[in-house]
N, C-alpha and C. Protein backbone atom coordinates (compact mmCIF):
# COMPACT_ATOMS: atom_id res chain seq x y z
N MET A 1 32.51 37.16 108.83
CA MET A 1 32.72 37.61 110.19
C MET A 1 34.06 38.30 110.31
N GLN A 2 34.08 39.45 110.98
CA GLN A 2 35.32 40.19 111.16
C GLN A 2 36.19 39.51 112.20
N ASN A 3 37.49 39.65 112.04
CA ASN A 3 38.43 39.06 112.98
C ASN A 3 38.97 40.14 113.90
N PHE A 4 38.57 40.12 115.17
CA PHE A 4 39.02 41.09 116.15
C PHE A 4 39.88 40.38 117.18
N THR A 5 40.97 41.02 117.58
CA THR A 5 41.76 40.49 118.68
C THR A 5 41.11 40.94 119.98
N MET A 6 41.50 40.35 121.09
CA MET A 6 40.93 40.73 122.38
C MET A 6 41.17 42.20 122.68
N SER A 7 42.29 42.76 122.25
CA SER A 7 42.60 44.15 122.57
C SER A 7 41.72 45.13 121.81
N ASN A 8 41.12 44.73 120.69
CA ASN A 8 40.28 45.66 119.96
C ASN A 8 38.91 45.10 119.63
N TYR A 9 38.47 44.12 120.39
CA TYR A 9 37.16 43.53 120.12
C TYR A 9 36.06 44.58 120.20
N TYR A 10 36.17 45.46 121.20
CA TYR A 10 35.28 46.61 121.31
C TYR A 10 36.12 47.87 121.28
N GLN A 11 35.64 48.86 120.58
CA GLN A 11 36.33 50.15 120.60
C GLN A 11 36.19 50.78 121.97
N HIS A 12 34.99 50.66 122.54
CA HIS A 12 34.72 51.19 123.89
C HIS A 12 33.95 50.15 124.68
N HIS A 13 34.35 49.96 125.93
CA HIS A 13 33.64 49.09 126.85
C HIS A 13 33.16 50.00 127.98
N VAL A 14 31.84 50.09 128.16
CA VAL A 14 31.23 51.02 129.10
C VAL A 14 30.65 50.24 130.27
N PHE A 15 31.20 50.47 131.45
CA PHE A 15 30.76 49.77 132.65
C PHE A 15 29.95 50.71 133.53
N PHE A 16 28.71 50.32 133.83
CA PHE A 16 27.85 51.05 134.76
C PHE A 16 27.84 50.33 136.08
N CYS A 17 28.26 50.99 137.15
CA CYS A 17 28.11 50.40 138.48
C CYS A 17 26.62 50.39 138.79
N VAL A 18 26.10 49.22 139.14
CA VAL A 18 24.69 49.08 139.52
C VAL A 18 24.58 48.42 140.89
N ASN A 19 25.65 48.52 141.66
CA ASN A 19 25.73 47.85 142.95
C ASN A 19 24.71 48.40 143.95
N GLN A 20 24.11 47.48 144.70
CA GLN A 20 23.19 47.83 145.79
C GLN A 20 23.85 47.50 147.11
N ARG A 21 24.09 48.50 147.93
CA ARG A 21 24.67 48.28 149.26
C ARG A 21 23.56 48.12 150.28
N GLU A 22 23.91 47.50 151.37
CA GLU A 22 22.94 47.27 152.43
C GLU A 22 22.97 48.37 153.48
N GLU A 23 21.92 48.43 154.26
CA GLU A 23 21.82 49.28 155.43
C GLU A 23 22.01 50.76 155.14
N GLY A 24 21.51 51.22 154.01
CA GLY A 24 21.49 52.64 153.72
C GLY A 24 22.81 53.27 153.29
N GLU A 25 23.84 52.46 153.05
CA GLU A 25 25.10 53.03 152.59
C GLU A 25 24.94 53.58 151.18
N ALA A 26 25.68 54.64 150.85
CA ALA A 26 25.63 55.24 149.52
C ALA A 26 25.96 54.19 148.47
N CYS A 27 25.17 54.18 147.40
CA CYS A 27 25.44 53.24 146.32
C CYS A 27 24.81 53.74 145.02
N CYS A 28 25.34 53.25 143.92
CA CYS A 28 24.86 53.67 142.61
C CYS A 28 23.42 53.22 142.34
N ALA A 29 23.06 52.04 142.83
CA ALA A 29 21.71 51.52 142.59
C ALA A 29 20.64 52.46 143.14
N ASP A 30 20.92 53.11 144.26
CA ASP A 30 19.96 54.03 144.85
C ASP A 30 19.80 55.31 144.05
N LYS A 31 20.68 55.52 143.08
CA LYS A 31 20.63 56.73 142.27
C LYS A 31 20.18 56.43 140.84
N GLY A 32 19.48 55.31 140.66
CA GLY A 32 18.89 54.98 139.37
C GLY A 32 19.85 54.41 138.34
N ALA A 33 20.94 53.80 138.80
CA ALA A 33 21.97 53.32 137.89
C ALA A 33 21.46 52.28 136.89
N GLN A 34 20.62 51.35 137.32
CA GLN A 34 20.16 50.32 136.39
C GLN A 34 19.32 50.91 135.26
N ALA A 35 18.45 51.85 135.60
CA ALA A 35 17.62 52.49 134.57
C ALA A 35 18.49 53.29 133.59
N MET A 36 19.52 53.96 134.09
CA MET A 36 20.40 54.73 133.21
C MET A 36 21.25 53.81 132.34
N ARG A 37 21.67 52.68 132.88
CA ARG A 37 22.42 51.69 132.10
C ARG A 37 21.54 51.15 130.99
N ASP A 38 20.29 50.81 131.32
CA ASP A 38 19.36 50.29 130.32
C ASP A 38 19.10 51.33 129.23
N TYR A 39 18.95 52.59 129.64
CA TYR A 39 18.76 53.68 128.69
C TYR A 39 19.97 53.80 127.76
N ALA A 40 21.18 53.80 128.32
CA ALA A 40 22.40 53.94 127.52
C ALA A 40 22.54 52.78 126.54
N LYS A 41 22.26 51.58 127.01
CA LYS A 41 22.38 50.41 126.14
C LYS A 41 21.42 50.52 124.95
N GLN A 42 20.18 50.89 125.21
CA GLN A 42 19.19 51.04 124.15
C GLN A 42 19.57 52.18 123.20
N LYS A 43 20.03 53.28 123.75
CA LYS A 43 20.42 54.43 122.93
C LYS A 43 21.58 54.07 122.01
N ILE A 44 22.58 53.38 122.55
CA ILE A 44 23.74 52.97 121.76
C ILE A 44 23.32 52.00 120.66
N LYS A 45 22.41 51.08 120.98
CA LYS A 45 21.89 50.17 119.95
C LYS A 45 21.14 50.94 118.87
N SER A 46 20.30 51.88 119.27
CA SER A 46 19.51 52.63 118.29
C SER A 46 20.39 53.48 117.37
N LEU A 47 21.55 53.88 117.86
CA LEU A 47 22.50 54.65 117.05
C LEU A 47 23.42 53.74 116.23
N LYS A 48 23.20 52.44 116.35
CA LYS A 48 24.01 51.43 115.65
C LYS A 48 25.49 51.52 116.03
N LEU A 49 25.71 51.78 117.34
CA LEU A 49 27.07 51.88 117.88
C LEU A 49 27.48 50.64 118.66
N SER A 50 26.61 49.62 118.72
CA SER A 50 26.91 48.45 119.55
C SER A 50 27.41 47.30 118.69
N GLY A 51 28.18 46.42 119.33
CA GLY A 51 28.66 45.22 118.66
C GLY A 51 30.16 45.21 118.51
N PRO A 52 30.69 44.11 118.01
CA PRO A 52 32.14 43.98 117.82
C PRO A 52 32.71 45.14 117.01
N GLY A 53 33.82 45.68 117.50
CA GLY A 53 34.47 46.81 116.85
C GLY A 53 33.84 48.15 117.21
N LYS A 54 32.77 48.10 118.01
CA LYS A 54 32.06 49.32 118.39
C LYS A 54 32.01 49.43 119.92
N CYS A 55 30.81 49.54 120.50
CA CYS A 55 30.65 49.71 121.94
C CYS A 55 29.96 48.52 122.59
N ARG A 56 30.29 48.30 123.82
CA ARG A 56 29.63 47.30 124.66
C ARG A 56 29.29 47.96 125.98
N VAL A 57 28.04 47.83 126.42
CA VAL A 57 27.59 48.37 127.70
C VAL A 57 27.35 47.20 128.64
N ASN A 58 27.92 47.27 129.85
CA ASN A 58 27.79 46.20 130.83
C ASN A 58 27.44 46.72 132.21
N ASN A 59 26.77 45.87 132.98
CA ASN A 59 26.62 46.10 134.41
C ASN A 59 27.94 45.81 135.08
N ALA A 60 28.22 46.52 136.14
CA ALA A 60 29.39 46.23 136.97
C ALA A 60 28.94 46.21 138.42
N GLY A 61 29.63 45.42 139.20
CA GLY A 61 29.41 45.44 140.64
C GLY A 61 30.06 46.69 141.21
N CYS A 62 30.25 46.71 142.50
CA CYS A 62 30.80 47.89 143.15
C CYS A 62 32.15 48.27 142.54
N MET A 63 32.27 49.52 142.18
CA MET A 63 33.50 50.05 141.61
C MET A 63 34.24 50.90 142.64
N ASP A 64 33.74 50.89 143.87
CA ASP A 64 34.39 51.50 145.03
C ASP A 64 34.56 53.01 144.93
N ARG A 65 33.62 53.65 144.27
CA ARG A 65 33.62 55.12 144.23
C ARG A 65 32.22 55.62 144.58
N CYS A 66 31.63 54.96 145.57
CA CYS A 66 30.23 55.18 145.93
C CYS A 66 29.90 56.63 146.24
N SER A 67 30.80 57.33 146.90
CA SER A 67 30.52 58.70 147.28
C SER A 67 30.49 59.64 146.08
N GLU A 68 31.03 59.19 144.94
CA GLU A 68 31.04 60.00 143.73
C GLU A 68 29.96 59.57 142.74
N GLY A 69 29.17 58.58 143.12
CA GLY A 69 28.26 57.92 142.22
C GLY A 69 27.02 58.70 141.89
N PRO A 70 26.31 58.18 140.93
CA PRO A 70 26.56 56.95 140.20
C PRO A 70 27.75 57.10 139.26
N VAL A 71 28.40 55.98 138.95
CA VAL A 71 29.62 56.04 138.14
C VAL A 71 29.57 55.14 136.91
N ILE A 72 30.30 55.59 135.89
CA ILE A 72 30.53 54.86 134.65
C ILE A 72 32.04 54.87 134.45
N ALA A 73 32.59 53.75 133.99
CA ALA A 73 33.99 53.70 133.57
C ALA A 73 34.01 53.26 132.11
N ILE A 74 34.75 53.99 131.29
CA ILE A 74 34.85 53.67 129.87
C ILE A 74 36.29 53.27 129.56
N TYR A 75 36.41 52.09 128.97
CA TYR A 75 37.71 51.56 128.58
C TYR A 75 37.75 51.36 127.08
N PRO A 76 38.92 51.47 126.44
CA PRO A 76 40.25 51.34 127.03
C PRO A 76 40.81 52.63 127.62
N GLU A 77 40.10 53.75 127.50
CA GLU A 77 40.64 55.02 127.97
C GLU A 77 40.83 55.08 129.48
N GLY A 78 39.99 54.36 130.22
CA GLY A 78 40.04 54.43 131.67
C GLY A 78 39.45 55.73 132.19
N THR A 79 38.45 56.25 131.49
CA THR A 79 37.79 57.49 131.88
C THR A 79 36.60 57.17 132.77
N TRP A 80 36.50 57.86 133.89
CA TRP A 80 35.41 57.67 134.85
C TRP A 80 34.52 58.89 134.84
N TYR A 81 33.20 58.64 134.81
CA TYR A 81 32.21 59.71 134.83
C TYR A 81 31.18 59.47 135.92
N THR A 82 30.57 60.56 136.34
CA THR A 82 29.33 60.50 137.11
C THR A 82 28.25 61.12 136.22
N TYR A 83 27.00 60.99 136.62
CA TYR A 83 25.89 61.52 135.82
C TYR A 83 24.70 61.72 136.73
N VAL A 84 23.75 62.52 136.25
CA VAL A 84 22.53 62.79 137.00
C VAL A 84 21.31 62.26 136.27
N ASP A 85 21.28 62.44 134.94
CA ASP A 85 20.07 62.13 134.20
C ASP A 85 20.39 61.69 132.76
N LYS A 86 19.35 61.48 131.97
CA LYS A 86 19.52 61.04 130.59
C LYS A 86 20.28 62.04 129.75
N ASP A 87 20.14 63.33 130.06
CA ASP A 87 20.89 64.34 129.31
C ASP A 87 22.39 64.13 129.48
N ASP A 88 22.82 63.79 130.70
CA ASP A 88 24.24 63.51 130.94
C ASP A 88 24.69 62.26 130.18
N ILE A 89 23.85 61.24 130.17
CA ILE A 89 24.18 60.00 129.44
C ILE A 89 24.29 60.31 127.95
N ASP A 90 23.34 61.09 127.42
CA ASP A 90 23.38 61.48 126.01
C ASP A 90 24.66 62.24 125.69
N GLU A 91 25.07 63.13 126.59
CA GLU A 91 26.29 63.90 126.36
C GLU A 91 27.52 63.00 126.35
N ILE A 92 27.58 62.03 127.25
CA ILE A 92 28.70 61.09 127.28
C ILE A 92 28.73 60.27 125.99
N ILE A 93 27.57 59.79 125.55
CA ILE A 93 27.51 59.02 124.31
C ILE A 93 27.97 59.87 123.13
N ASN A 94 27.41 61.06 123.01
CA ASN A 94 27.73 61.92 121.88
C ASN A 94 29.19 62.39 121.89
N GLU A 95 29.62 62.89 123.01
CA GLU A 95 30.97 63.47 123.07
C GLU A 95 32.05 62.40 123.15
N HIS A 96 31.94 61.49 124.10
CA HIS A 96 33.02 60.52 124.31
C HIS A 96 32.98 59.37 123.31
N LEU A 97 31.84 58.73 123.18
CA LEU A 97 31.78 57.53 122.35
C LEU A 97 31.74 57.83 120.85
N ILE A 98 31.08 58.90 120.47
CA ILE A 98 30.99 59.22 119.04
C ILE A 98 32.15 60.10 118.58
N HIS A 99 32.43 61.17 119.34
CA HIS A 99 33.42 62.14 118.88
C HIS A 99 34.79 62.03 119.56
N GLY A 100 34.93 61.14 120.54
CA GLY A 100 36.23 60.94 121.17
C GLY A 100 36.69 62.07 122.06
N ARG A 101 35.75 62.86 122.56
CA ARG A 101 36.10 63.99 123.43
C ARG A 101 35.63 63.71 124.86
N THR A 102 36.50 63.94 125.81
CA THR A 102 36.17 63.76 127.22
C THR A 102 35.16 64.83 127.65
N VAL A 103 34.19 64.43 128.46
CA VAL A 103 33.21 65.35 129.01
C VAL A 103 33.74 65.78 130.38
N ASP A 104 34.52 66.84 130.39
CA ASP A 104 35.22 67.26 131.61
C ASP A 104 34.29 67.54 132.78
N ARG A 105 33.13 68.11 132.52
CA ARG A 105 32.23 68.48 133.63
C ARG A 105 31.68 67.27 134.37
N LEU A 106 31.69 66.09 133.73
CA LEU A 106 31.18 64.87 134.36
C LEU A 106 32.28 63.92 134.81
N LYS A 107 33.50 64.24 134.47
CA LYS A 107 34.63 63.36 134.78
C LYS A 107 34.93 63.37 136.28
N ILE A 108 35.21 62.17 136.81
CA ILE A 108 35.60 62.09 138.23
C ILE A 108 36.98 61.44 138.32
């Protein structure tokens, strides 16, 4: 078993806001956030990018950027993205997580 400290346990931690707001307020859940999070998690696993020392994909509650949503935050960089579809998720995975390049067109 590899020994990772808390600061480098994951190279990237990817948080998908999947919050559902009440009474018709703008929220990530209404824009398909859970399905996109599930897609990203499966895609990252299929590319063998998940696990200690690699990537972790998590659900997050409200990240308070509802009007810009749906949103993803990637740490430790602290980069925030929005997305529309699987193509955007694929681009974030390929460019940011694999090649270390920010996807400027999706950055918020």
